[in-house]
């Protein structure tokens, strides 16, 4: 009779510690995704770059460390926080309601494609971030363009939901690579 020790108490303890650490990291990233847009809410171009880069840092970090399903709070919370803060886009914040579904899907695409390009298909990380950022920004810009063309959203959203989305996705994604090296 052969005994199987593959799931010993030591392995169980190690797994439980990893599970706890992963959940703690998820709570920290989710809280940051919620509070960064609220705390840094002043409507300046520089702040939009800063907030966007920090949010994309959180998104890219969640792509590197979590399953897609576990990353959902980090994907969804920043857009809700931007709307709740009511100040990021000043008097135009109310129009953000129409853009939130595009932002959510854009964030999801960003996380998915970083994970898919880099971790699954072994594409260079920086190229993965650029590709995922391009997909995200084109998607969000396209949705915004349609809403602007339909007269639902003012044209002031075209630049922040296009070029700035790509720039902040690149900045945040590149910065997230540093956390991956720190973990190793």
N, C-alpha and C. Protein backbone atom coordinates (compact mmCIF):
# COMPACT_ATOMS: atom_id res chain seq x y z
N UNK A 1 0.83 -1.18 0.00
CA UNK A 1 0.00 0.00 0.00
C UNK A 1 0.88 1.25 0.00
N UNK A 2 0.59 2.16 -0.90
CA UNK A 2 1.39 3.37 -1.06
C UNK A 2 0.63 4.55 -0.45
N UNK A 3 1.32 5.34 0.37
CA UNK A 3 0.71 6.51 0.97
C UNK A 3 1.01 7.74 0.13
N UNK A 4 0.04 8.61 -0.02
CA UNK A 4 0.20 9.82 -0.80
C UNK A 4 0.36 11.01 0.14
N UNK A 5 1.53 11.64 0.09
CA UNK A 5 1.80 12.79 0.94
C UNK A 5 1.79 14.10 0.16
N UNK A 6 1.16 14.11 -0.99
CA UNK A 6 1.20 15.30 -1.84
C UNK A 6 0.43 16.48 -1.24
N UNK A 7 -0.46 16.21 -0.35
CA UNK A 7 -1.22 17.30 0.27
C UNK A 7 -1.03 17.22 1.78
N UNK A 8 0.20 17.37 2.20
CA UNK A 8 0.51 17.29 3.62
C UNK A 8 0.06 18.55 4.34
N UNK A 9 0.15 18.54 5.63
CA UNK A 9 -0.27 19.71 6.40
C UNK A 9 0.63 20.90 6.10
N UNK A 10 1.89 20.65 5.79
CA UNK A 10 2.80 21.73 5.42
C UNK A 10 2.34 22.40 4.14
N UNK A 11 1.97 21.60 3.15
CA UNK A 11 1.49 22.13 1.88
C UNK A 11 0.18 22.89 2.08
N UNK A 12 -0.68 22.36 2.94
CA UNK A 12 -1.96 23.01 3.20
C UNK A 12 -1.73 24.38 3.85
N UNK A 13 -0.82 24.45 4.80
CA UNK A 13 -0.50 25.72 5.46
C UNK A 13 0.08 26.71 4.46
N UNK A 14 0.97 26.24 3.60
CA UNK A 14 1.58 27.09 2.59
C UNK A 14 0.51 27.64 1.64
N UNK A 15 -0.41 26.79 1.23
CA UNK A 15 -1.49 27.21 0.34
C UNK A 15 -2.38 28.24 1.02
N UNK A 16 -2.73 28.01 2.28
CA UNK A 16 -3.58 28.94 3.01
C UNK A 16 -2.91 30.30 3.16
N UNK A 17 -1.59 30.32 3.39
CA UNK A 17 -0.87 31.58 3.51
C UNK A 17 -0.86 32.33 2.17
N UNK A 18 -0.65 31.62 1.09
CA UNK A 18 -0.67 32.24 -0.23
C UNK A 18 -2.05 32.79 -0.55
N UNK A 19 -3.08 32.03 -0.18
CA UNK A 19 -4.46 32.45 -0.42
C UNK A 19 -4.77 33.72 0.37
N UNK A 20 -4.35 33.77 1.62
CA UNK A 20 -4.57 34.95 2.45
C UNK A 20 -3.82 36.17 1.90
N UNK A 21 -2.57 35.95 1.48
CA UNK A 21 -1.78 37.05 0.94
C UNK A 21 -2.39 37.57 -0.36
N UNK A 22 -2.87 36.67 -1.20
CA UNK A 22 -3.50 37.08 -2.46
C UNK A 22 -4.77 37.88 -2.18
N UNK A 23 -5.57 37.43 -1.23
CA UNK A 23 -6.81 38.15 -0.88
C UNK A 23 -6.52 39.50 -0.25
N UNK A 24 -5.48 39.58 0.56
CA UNK A 24 -5.10 40.86 1.14
C UNK A 24 -4.65 41.82 0.04
N UNK A 25 -3.87 41.33 -0.89
CA UNK A 25 -3.42 42.17 -2.01
C UNK A 25 -4.62 42.63 -2.85
N UNK A 26 -5.59 41.76 -3.04
CA UNK A 26 -6.80 42.13 -3.79
C UNK A 26 -7.57 43.22 -3.07
N UNK A 27 -7.69 43.12 -1.77
CA UNK A 27 -8.40 44.15 -0.98
C UNK A 27 -7.66 45.48 -1.08
N UNK A 28 -6.34 45.46 -0.99
CA UNK A 28 -5.55 46.69 -1.07
C UNK A 28 -5.69 47.33 -2.46
N UNK A 29 -5.57 46.52 -3.52
CA UNK A 29 -5.70 47.06 -4.87
C UNK A 29 -7.12 47.58 -5.12
N UNK A 30 -8.12 46.88 -4.64
CA UNK A 30 -9.51 47.32 -4.82
C UNK A 30 -9.77 48.62 -4.08
N UNK A 31 -9.27 48.72 -2.86
CA UNK A 31 -9.44 49.96 -2.09
C UNK A 31 -8.74 51.12 -2.79
N UNK A 32 -7.55 50.86 -3.29
CA UNK A 32 -6.82 51.91 -4.03
C UNK A 32 -7.58 52.30 -5.28
N UNK A 33 -8.16 51.33 -5.98
CA UNK A 33 -8.93 51.61 -7.20
C UNK A 33 -10.15 52.47 -6.89
N UNK A 34 -10.71 52.31 -5.71
CA UNK A 34 -11.87 53.10 -5.30
C UNK A 34 -11.46 54.49 -4.83
N UNK A 35 -10.41 54.57 -4.02
CA UNK A 35 -10.09 55.84 -3.37
C UNK A 35 -9.17 56.76 -4.15
N UNK A 36 -8.33 56.25 -5.03
CA UNK A 36 -7.43 57.13 -5.79
C UNK A 36 -8.22 58.15 -6.62
N UNK A 37 -9.24 57.74 -7.40
CA UNK A 37 -9.98 58.76 -8.15
C UNK A 37 -10.73 59.76 -7.26
N UNK A 38 -11.10 59.34 -6.06
CA UNK A 38 -11.81 60.24 -5.16
C UNK A 38 -10.84 61.22 -4.50
N UNK A 39 -9.71 60.73 -4.04
CA UNK A 39 -8.74 61.58 -3.35
C UNK A 39 -8.06 62.55 -4.31
N UNK A 40 -7.71 62.08 -5.50
CA UNK A 40 -7.01 62.92 -6.49
C UNK A 40 -7.99 63.40 -7.55
N UNK A 41 -9.03 64.08 -7.12
CA UNK A 41 -10.14 64.36 -8.01
C UNK A 41 -10.12 65.73 -8.68
N UNK A 42 -9.14 66.53 -8.46
CA UNK A 42 -9.13 67.87 -9.02
C UNK A 42 -9.00 67.83 -10.53
N UNK A 43 -9.84 68.57 -11.22
CA UNK A 43 -9.97 68.48 -12.67
C UNK A 43 -8.89 69.25 -13.42
N UNK A 44 -7.69 68.73 -13.39
CA UNK A 44 -6.63 69.31 -14.20
C UNK A 44 -6.11 68.24 -15.13
N UNK A 45 -5.51 68.67 -16.22
CA UNK A 45 -4.95 67.72 -17.18
C UNK A 45 -3.90 66.83 -16.52
N UNK A 46 -3.03 67.45 -15.68
CA UNK A 46 -1.98 66.69 -15.00
C UNK A 46 -2.58 65.65 -14.07
N UNK A 47 -3.63 66.02 -13.35
CA UNK A 47 -4.26 65.06 -12.44
C UNK A 47 -4.92 63.91 -13.19
N UNK A 48 -5.49 64.19 -14.36
CA UNK A 48 -6.08 63.11 -15.16
C UNK A 48 -5.00 62.12 -15.58
N UNK A 49 -3.83 62.62 -15.92
CA UNK A 49 -2.70 61.75 -16.27
C UNK A 49 -2.27 60.95 -15.04
N UNK A 50 -2.16 61.62 -13.90
CA UNK A 50 -1.73 60.96 -12.67
C UNK A 50 -2.74 59.89 -12.24
N UNK A 51 -4.02 60.27 -12.14
CA UNK A 51 -5.05 59.33 -11.72
C UNK A 51 -5.14 58.15 -12.71
N UNK A 52 -5.16 58.47 -14.00
CA UNK A 52 -5.25 57.43 -15.01
C UNK A 52 -4.06 56.48 -14.96
N UNK A 53 -2.87 57.01 -14.77
CA UNK A 53 -1.67 56.16 -14.70
C UNK A 53 -1.71 55.26 -13.46
N UNK A 54 -2.15 55.82 -12.34
CA UNK A 54 -2.26 55.01 -11.11
C UNK A 54 -3.30 53.91 -11.26
N UNK A 55 -4.44 54.25 -11.86
CA UNK A 55 -5.49 53.25 -12.08
C UNK A 55 -5.00 52.15 -13.03
N UNK A 56 -4.31 52.54 -14.09
CA UNK A 56 -3.79 51.54 -15.02
C UNK A 56 -2.67 50.72 -14.40
N UNK A 57 -1.92 51.31 -13.48
CA UNK A 57 -0.94 50.56 -12.69
C UNK A 57 -1.65 49.45 -11.91
N UNK A 58 -2.76 49.80 -11.27
CA UNK A 58 -3.54 48.82 -10.51
C UNK A 58 -4.11 47.74 -11.43
N UNK A 59 -4.60 48.15 -12.59
CA UNK A 59 -5.15 47.18 -13.55
C UNK A 59 -4.07 46.22 -14.05
N UNK A 60 -2.92 46.76 -14.42
CA UNK A 60 -1.83 45.90 -14.92
C UNK A 60 -1.32 44.98 -13.82
N UNK A 61 -1.22 45.50 -12.60
CA UNK A 61 -0.79 44.67 -11.48
C UNK A 61 -1.78 43.53 -11.25
N UNK A 62 -3.06 43.84 -11.33
CA UNK A 62 -4.06 42.78 -11.14
C UNK A 62 -3.99 41.76 -12.28
N UNK A 63 -3.63 42.20 -13.48
CA UNK A 63 -3.47 41.27 -14.60
C UNK A 63 -2.32 40.31 -14.35
N UNK A 64 -1.27 40.80 -13.71
CA UNK A 64 -0.09 39.97 -13.45
C UNK A 64 -0.29 39.00 -12.29
N UNK A 65 -1.11 39.36 -11.32
CA UNK A 65 -1.20 38.57 -10.09
C UNK A 65 -2.50 37.78 -9.90
N UNK A 66 -3.58 38.20 -10.54
CA UNK A 66 -4.87 37.58 -10.26
C UNK A 66 -5.48 36.95 -11.50
N UNK A 67 -6.44 36.07 -11.25
CA UNK A 67 -7.26 35.58 -12.34
C UNK A 67 -8.14 36.75 -12.80
N UNK A 68 -8.68 36.63 -13.99
CA UNK A 68 -9.53 37.69 -14.52
C UNK A 68 -10.71 37.94 -13.58
N UNK A 69 -11.30 36.88 -13.10
CA UNK A 69 -12.47 36.99 -12.21
C UNK A 69 -12.12 37.75 -10.93
N UNK A 70 -10.97 37.46 -10.36
CA UNK A 70 -10.57 38.15 -9.12
C UNK A 70 -10.23 39.61 -9.38
N UNK A 71 -9.86 39.94 -10.61
CA UNK A 71 -9.49 41.32 -10.94
C UNK A 71 -10.71 42.23 -11.15
N UNK A 72 -11.91 41.67 -11.17
CA UNK A 72 -13.11 42.46 -11.47
C UNK A 72 -13.31 43.68 -10.57
N UNK A 73 -13.08 43.61 -9.26
CA UNK A 73 -13.24 44.84 -8.47
C UNK A 73 -12.31 45.96 -8.93
N UNK A 74 -11.09 45.62 -9.28
CA UNK A 74 -10.12 46.62 -9.73
C UNK A 74 -10.54 47.16 -11.10
N UNK A 75 -11.18 46.34 -11.91
CA UNK A 75 -11.66 46.76 -13.23
C UNK A 75 -12.85 47.71 -13.11
N UNK A 76 -13.75 47.44 -12.19
CA UNK A 76 -15.01 48.17 -12.11
C UNK A 76 -14.99 49.41 -11.22
N UNK A 77 -14.26 49.37 -10.12
CA UNK A 77 -14.35 50.43 -9.11
C UNK A 77 -13.84 51.81 -9.55
N UNK A 78 -12.78 51.94 -10.33
CA UNK A 78 -12.31 53.30 -10.65
C UNK A 78 -13.33 54.18 -11.37
N UNK A 79 -14.07 53.63 -12.31
CA UNK A 79 -15.07 54.43 -13.03
C UNK A 79 -16.20 54.85 -12.10
N UNK A 80 -16.60 53.96 -11.21
CA UNK A 80 -17.64 54.30 -10.24
C UNK A 80 -17.13 55.39 -9.31
N UNK A 81 -15.88 55.28 -8.88
CA UNK A 81 -15.30 56.29 -7.99
C UNK A 81 -15.21 57.64 -8.68
N UNK A 82 -14.86 57.65 -9.96
CA UNK A 82 -14.79 58.91 -10.71
C UNK A 82 -16.16 59.58 -10.77
N UNK A 83 -17.17 58.77 -10.96
CA UNK A 83 -18.53 59.32 -11.00
C UNK A 83 -18.95 59.81 -9.61
N UNK A 84 -18.66 59.03 -8.58
CA UNK A 84 -19.06 59.41 -7.22
C UNK A 84 -18.34 60.67 -6.73
N UNK A 85 -17.09 60.84 -7.15
CA UNK A 85 -16.35 62.02 -6.70
C UNK A 85 -16.96 63.29 -7.28
N UNK A 86 -17.54 63.16 -8.49
CA UNK A 86 -18.25 64.28 -9.08
C UNK A 86 -17.40 65.45 -9.53
N UNK A 87 -16.10 65.32 -9.47
CA UNK A 87 -15.28 66.48 -9.76
C UNK A 87 -14.26 66.22 -10.88
N UNK A 88 -13.90 64.99 -11.16
CA UNK A 88 -12.83 64.71 -12.12
C UNK A 88 -13.04 65.43 -13.45
N UNK A 89 -14.28 65.42 -13.95
CA UNK A 89 -14.55 66.12 -15.21
C UNK A 89 -15.39 67.38 -14.98
N UNK A 90 -15.35 67.88 -13.77
CA UNK A 90 -16.05 69.13 -13.45
C UNK A 90 -17.53 69.04 -13.77
N UNK A 91 -18.04 70.06 -14.45
CA UNK A 91 -19.47 70.12 -14.77
C UNK A 91 -19.90 69.02 -15.74
N UNK A 92 -18.93 68.36 -16.38
CA UNK A 92 -19.25 67.32 -17.35
C UNK A 92 -19.30 65.92 -16.73
N UNK A 93 -19.05 65.80 -15.44
CA UNK A 93 -19.01 64.50 -14.77
C UNK A 93 -20.31 63.73 -14.96
N UNK A 94 -21.44 64.41 -15.01
CA UNK A 94 -22.73 63.75 -15.16
C UNK A 94 -22.76 62.88 -16.43
N UNK A 95 -22.04 63.29 -17.47
CA UNK A 95 -22.01 62.54 -18.73
C UNK A 95 -21.20 61.25 -18.62
N UNK A 96 -20.43 61.16 -17.56
CA UNK A 96 -19.63 59.95 -17.33
C UNK A 96 -20.52 58.71 -17.19
N UNK A 97 -21.75 58.90 -16.77
CA UNK A 97 -22.70 57.79 -16.65
C UNK A 97 -22.81 57.02 -17.97
N UNK A 98 -22.83 57.74 -19.07
CA UNK A 98 -22.95 57.10 -20.39
C UNK A 98 -21.67 56.40 -20.81
N UNK A 99 -20.55 56.84 -20.26
CA UNK A 99 -19.25 56.28 -20.66
C UNK A 99 -18.81 55.10 -19.79
N UNK A 100 -19.39 54.95 -18.61
CA UNK A 100 -18.95 53.92 -17.67
C UNK A 100 -18.95 52.51 -18.29
N UNK A 101 -19.97 52.09 -19.03
CA UNK A 101 -19.88 50.74 -19.62
C UNK A 101 -18.69 50.58 -20.56
N UNK A 102 -18.36 51.63 -21.31
CA UNK A 102 -17.20 51.57 -22.21
C UNK A 102 -15.89 51.52 -21.41
N UNK A 103 -15.85 52.27 -20.32
CA UNK A 103 -14.65 52.26 -19.47
C UNK A 103 -14.48 50.89 -18.82
N UNK A 104 -15.57 50.32 -18.32
CA UNK A 104 -15.48 48.98 -17.72
C UNK A 104 -14.98 47.95 -18.73
N UNK A 105 -15.56 47.96 -19.90
CA UNK A 105 -15.13 47.00 -20.92
C UNK A 105 -13.70 47.28 -21.35
N UNK A 106 -13.35 48.57 -21.48
CA UNK A 106 -11.97 48.92 -21.83
C UNK A 106 -10.98 48.44 -20.78
N UNK A 107 -11.31 48.63 -19.51
CA UNK A 107 -10.45 48.14 -18.43
C UNK A 107 -10.34 46.62 -18.46
N UNK A 108 -11.45 45.97 -18.71
CA UNK A 108 -11.44 44.50 -18.80
C UNK A 108 -10.58 44.03 -19.97
N UNK A 109 -10.69 44.71 -21.10
CA UNK A 109 -9.85 44.37 -22.26
C UNK A 109 -8.37 44.56 -21.94
N UNK A 110 -8.05 45.62 -21.24
CA UNK A 110 -6.66 45.91 -20.86
C UNK A 110 -6.10 44.77 -19.99
N UNK A 111 -6.83 44.39 -18.96
CA UNK A 111 -6.39 43.31 -18.08
C UNK A 111 -6.29 42.00 -18.86
N UNK A 112 -7.32 41.70 -19.63
CA UNK A 112 -7.35 40.44 -20.38
C UNK A 112 -6.17 40.34 -21.36
N UNK A 113 -5.92 41.42 -22.11
CA UNK A 113 -4.88 41.33 -23.12
C UNK A 113 -3.47 41.40 -22.55
N UNK A 114 -3.26 42.07 -21.43
CA UNK A 114 -1.94 41.98 -20.78
C UNK A 114 -1.71 40.53 -20.38
N UNK A 115 -2.71 39.95 -19.74
CA UNK A 115 -2.62 38.56 -19.30
C UNK A 115 -2.43 37.63 -20.50
N UNK A 116 -3.24 37.83 -21.54
CA UNK A 116 -3.20 36.94 -22.71
C UNK A 116 -1.89 37.09 -23.49
N UNK A 117 -1.52 38.32 -23.79
CA UNK A 117 -0.31 38.54 -24.58
C UNK A 117 0.94 38.09 -23.83
N UNK A 118 1.09 38.56 -22.58
CA UNK A 118 2.33 38.34 -21.85
C UNK A 118 2.39 36.99 -21.14
N UNK A 119 1.41 36.69 -20.33
CA UNK A 119 1.48 35.48 -19.50
C UNK A 119 1.13 34.21 -20.27
N UNK A 120 0.20 34.30 -21.20
CA UNK A 120 -0.21 33.11 -21.95
C UNK A 120 0.63 32.92 -23.21
N UNK A 121 0.75 33.96 -24.02
CA UNK A 121 1.44 33.84 -25.31
C UNK A 121 2.90 34.26 -25.25
N UNK A 122 3.39 34.65 -24.09
CA UNK A 122 4.80 34.98 -23.85
C UNK A 122 5.34 36.10 -24.74
N UNK A 123 4.47 37.06 -25.07
CA UNK A 123 4.91 38.25 -25.79
C UNK A 123 5.64 39.14 -24.80
N UNK A 124 6.66 39.87 -25.25
CA UNK A 124 7.39 40.81 -24.43
C UNK A 124 6.41 41.66 -23.62
N UNK A 125 6.71 41.86 -22.33
CA UNK A 125 5.78 42.58 -21.46
C UNK A 125 5.45 43.97 -21.97
N UNK A 126 6.46 44.71 -22.38
CA UNK A 126 6.24 46.10 -22.80
C UNK A 126 5.39 46.15 -24.08
N UNK A 127 5.60 45.23 -24.99
CA UNK A 127 4.76 45.15 -26.18
C UNK A 127 3.34 44.74 -25.80
N UNK A 128 3.22 43.87 -24.80
CA UNK A 128 1.89 43.46 -24.32
C UNK A 128 1.12 44.65 -23.76
N UNK A 129 1.81 45.48 -22.97
CA UNK A 129 1.17 46.67 -22.40
C UNK A 129 0.76 47.63 -23.50
N UNK A 130 1.64 47.85 -24.47
CA UNK A 130 1.30 48.76 -25.57
C UNK A 130 0.11 48.23 -26.37
N UNK A 131 0.10 46.92 -26.66
CA UNK A 131 -1.01 46.32 -27.40
C UNK A 131 -2.31 46.40 -26.62
N UNK A 132 -2.25 46.04 -25.34
CA UNK A 132 -3.45 46.08 -24.50
C UNK A 132 -3.93 47.53 -24.33
N UNK A 133 -2.99 48.46 -24.17
CA UNK A 133 -3.36 49.87 -24.04
C UNK A 133 -4.00 50.41 -25.31
N UNK A 134 -3.49 49.98 -26.45
CA UNK A 134 -4.07 50.42 -27.73
C UNK A 134 -5.49 49.88 -27.89
N UNK A 135 -5.68 48.61 -27.57
CA UNK A 135 -7.02 48.00 -27.66
C UNK A 135 -7.99 48.73 -26.72
N UNK A 136 -7.54 48.97 -25.49
CA UNK A 136 -8.38 49.67 -24.51
C UNK A 136 -8.76 51.06 -24.99
N UNK A 137 -7.76 51.83 -25.42
CA UNK A 137 -8.03 53.21 -25.80
C UNK A 137 -8.88 53.30 -27.07
N UNK A 138 -8.66 52.41 -28.02
CA UNK A 138 -9.47 52.43 -29.25
C UNK A 138 -10.92 52.08 -28.92
N UNK A 139 -11.12 51.11 -28.04
CA UNK A 139 -12.48 50.73 -27.65
C UNK A 139 -13.20 51.88 -26.95
N UNK A 140 -12.54 52.46 -25.95
CA UNK A 140 -13.18 53.55 -25.19
C UNK A 140 -13.40 54.77 -26.09
N UNK A 141 -12.41 55.09 -26.93
CA UNK A 141 -12.56 56.23 -27.83
C UNK A 141 -13.69 55.99 -28.82
N UNK A 142 -13.80 54.78 -29.35
CA UNK A 142 -14.87 54.47 -30.32
C UNK A 142 -16.24 54.66 -29.70
N UNK A 143 -16.41 54.14 -28.49
CA UNK A 143 -17.69 54.33 -27.79
C UNK A 143 -17.98 55.78 -27.52
N UNK A 144 -16.95 56.53 -27.11
CA UNK A 144 -17.11 57.96 -26.86
C UNK A 144 -17.45 58.70 -28.15
N UNK A 145 -16.78 58.35 -29.23
CA UNK A 145 -17.03 59.00 -30.52
C UNK A 145 -18.47 58.77 -30.97
N UNK A 146 -18.96 57.57 -30.78
CA UNK A 146 -20.35 57.27 -31.15
C UNK A 146 -21.31 58.12 -30.32
N UNK A 147 -21.04 58.21 -29.02
CA UNK A 147 -21.91 59.00 -28.14
C UNK A 147 -21.82 60.50 -28.44
N UNK A 148 -20.64 60.98 -28.80
CA UNK A 148 -20.48 62.39 -29.18
C UNK A 148 -21.23 62.63 -30.49
N UNK A 149 -21.06 61.72 -31.45
CA UNK A 149 -21.74 61.87 -32.74
C UNK A 149 -23.26 61.86 -32.60
N UNK A 150 -23.75 61.10 -31.63
CA UNK A 150 -25.20 61.02 -31.38
C UNK A 150 -25.70 62.20 -30.55
N UNK A 151 -24.79 63.05 -30.09
CA UNK A 151 -25.19 64.21 -29.29
C UNK A 151 -25.50 63.89 -27.84
N UNK A 152 -25.07 62.73 -27.39
CA UNK A 152 -25.36 62.31 -26.01
C UNK A 152 -24.30 62.83 -25.04
N UNK A 153 -23.06 62.88 -25.51
CA UNK A 153 -21.93 63.28 -24.68
C UNK A 153 -21.21 64.43 -25.38
N UNK A 154 -20.74 65.44 -24.63
CA UNK A 154 -20.03 66.54 -25.27
C UNK A 154 -18.66 66.12 -25.81
N UNK A 155 -18.20 66.83 -26.81
CA UNK A 155 -16.93 66.51 -27.48
C UNK A 155 -15.72 66.65 -26.57
N UNK A 156 -15.88 67.31 -25.42
CA UNK A 156 -14.77 67.49 -24.49
C UNK A 156 -14.20 66.14 -24.02
N UNK A 157 -14.96 65.07 -24.14
CA UNK A 157 -14.52 63.74 -23.70
C UNK A 157 -13.64 63.02 -24.71
N UNK A 158 -13.55 63.50 -25.93
CA UNK A 158 -12.81 62.77 -26.96
C UNK A 158 -11.32 62.61 -26.63
N UNK A 159 -10.67 63.66 -26.19
CA UNK A 159 -9.24 63.56 -25.88
C UNK A 159 -8.99 62.70 -24.64
N UNK A 160 -9.71 62.94 -23.50
CA UNK A 160 -9.46 62.10 -22.33
C UNK A 160 -9.80 60.62 -22.56
N UNK A 161 -10.73 60.35 -23.44
CA UNK A 161 -11.13 58.95 -23.67
C UNK A 161 -10.42 58.34 -24.89
N UNK A 162 -9.42 59.01 -25.37
CA UNK A 162 -8.66 58.50 -26.51
C UNK A 162 -7.19 58.48 -26.21
N UNK A 163 -6.51 59.53 -26.60
CA UNK A 163 -5.07 59.62 -26.46
C UNK A 163 -4.61 59.52 -25.01
N UNK A 164 -5.33 60.18 -24.11
CA UNK A 164 -4.94 60.12 -22.70
C UNK A 164 -5.11 58.71 -22.15
N UNK A 165 -6.14 58.00 -22.59
CA UNK A 165 -6.32 56.60 -22.16
C UNK A 165 -5.10 55.76 -22.56
N UNK A 166 -4.63 55.96 -23.78
CA UNK A 166 -3.47 55.18 -24.24
C UNK A 166 -2.22 55.56 -23.45
N UNK A 167 -2.00 56.85 -23.26
CA UNK A 167 -0.81 57.30 -22.53
C UNK A 167 -0.80 56.77 -21.10
N UNK A 168 -1.93 56.87 -20.41
CA UNK A 168 -1.98 56.40 -19.02
C UNK A 168 -1.90 54.88 -18.93
N UNK A 169 -2.42 54.17 -19.95
CA UNK A 169 -2.31 52.71 -19.97
C UNK A 169 -0.84 52.30 -20.11
N UNK A 170 -0.11 53.02 -20.95
CA UNK A 170 1.31 52.71 -21.14
C UNK A 170 2.10 53.03 -19.87
N UNK A 171 1.90 54.22 -19.31
CA UNK A 171 2.63 54.63 -18.10
C UNK A 171 2.34 53.67 -16.95
N UNK A 172 1.07 53.43 -16.69
CA UNK A 172 0.69 52.55 -15.58
C UNK A 172 1.15 51.11 -15.79
N UNK A 173 1.03 50.62 -17.01
CA UNK A 173 1.46 49.25 -17.31
C UNK A 173 2.96 49.08 -17.17
N UNK A 174 3.73 50.08 -17.64
CA UNK A 174 5.19 49.99 -17.52
C UNK A 174 5.60 50.04 -16.05
N UNK A 175 4.94 50.88 -15.27
CA UNK A 175 5.25 50.99 -13.84
C UNK A 175 4.92 49.69 -13.09
N UNK A 176 3.87 49.01 -13.52
CA UNK A 176 3.47 47.76 -12.85
C UNK A 176 4.52 46.67 -13.00
N UNK A 177 5.29 46.74 -14.05
CA UNK A 177 6.33 45.73 -14.26
C UNK A 177 7.32 45.71 -13.11
N UNK A 178 7.56 46.88 -12.52
CA UNK A 178 8.46 46.95 -11.39
C UNK A 178 7.98 46.13 -10.20
N UNK A 179 6.68 46.08 -9.97
CA UNK A 179 6.18 45.28 -8.84
C UNK A 179 6.38 43.80 -9.09
N UNK A 180 6.34 43.41 -10.35
CA UNK A 180 6.54 42.00 -10.71
C UNK A 180 7.98 41.59 -10.39
N UNK A 181 8.95 42.50 -10.67
CA UNK A 181 10.34 42.21 -10.36
C UNK A 181 10.57 42.22 -8.84
N UNK A 182 9.89 43.11 -8.13
CA UNK A 182 10.03 43.17 -6.69
C UNK A 182 9.55 41.88 -6.02
N UNK A 183 8.49 41.29 -6.58
CA UNK A 183 7.96 40.05 -6.01
C UNK A 183 8.97 38.92 -6.13
N UNK A 184 9.66 38.87 -7.27
CA UNK A 184 10.67 37.82 -7.47
C UNK A 184 11.84 38.04 -6.57
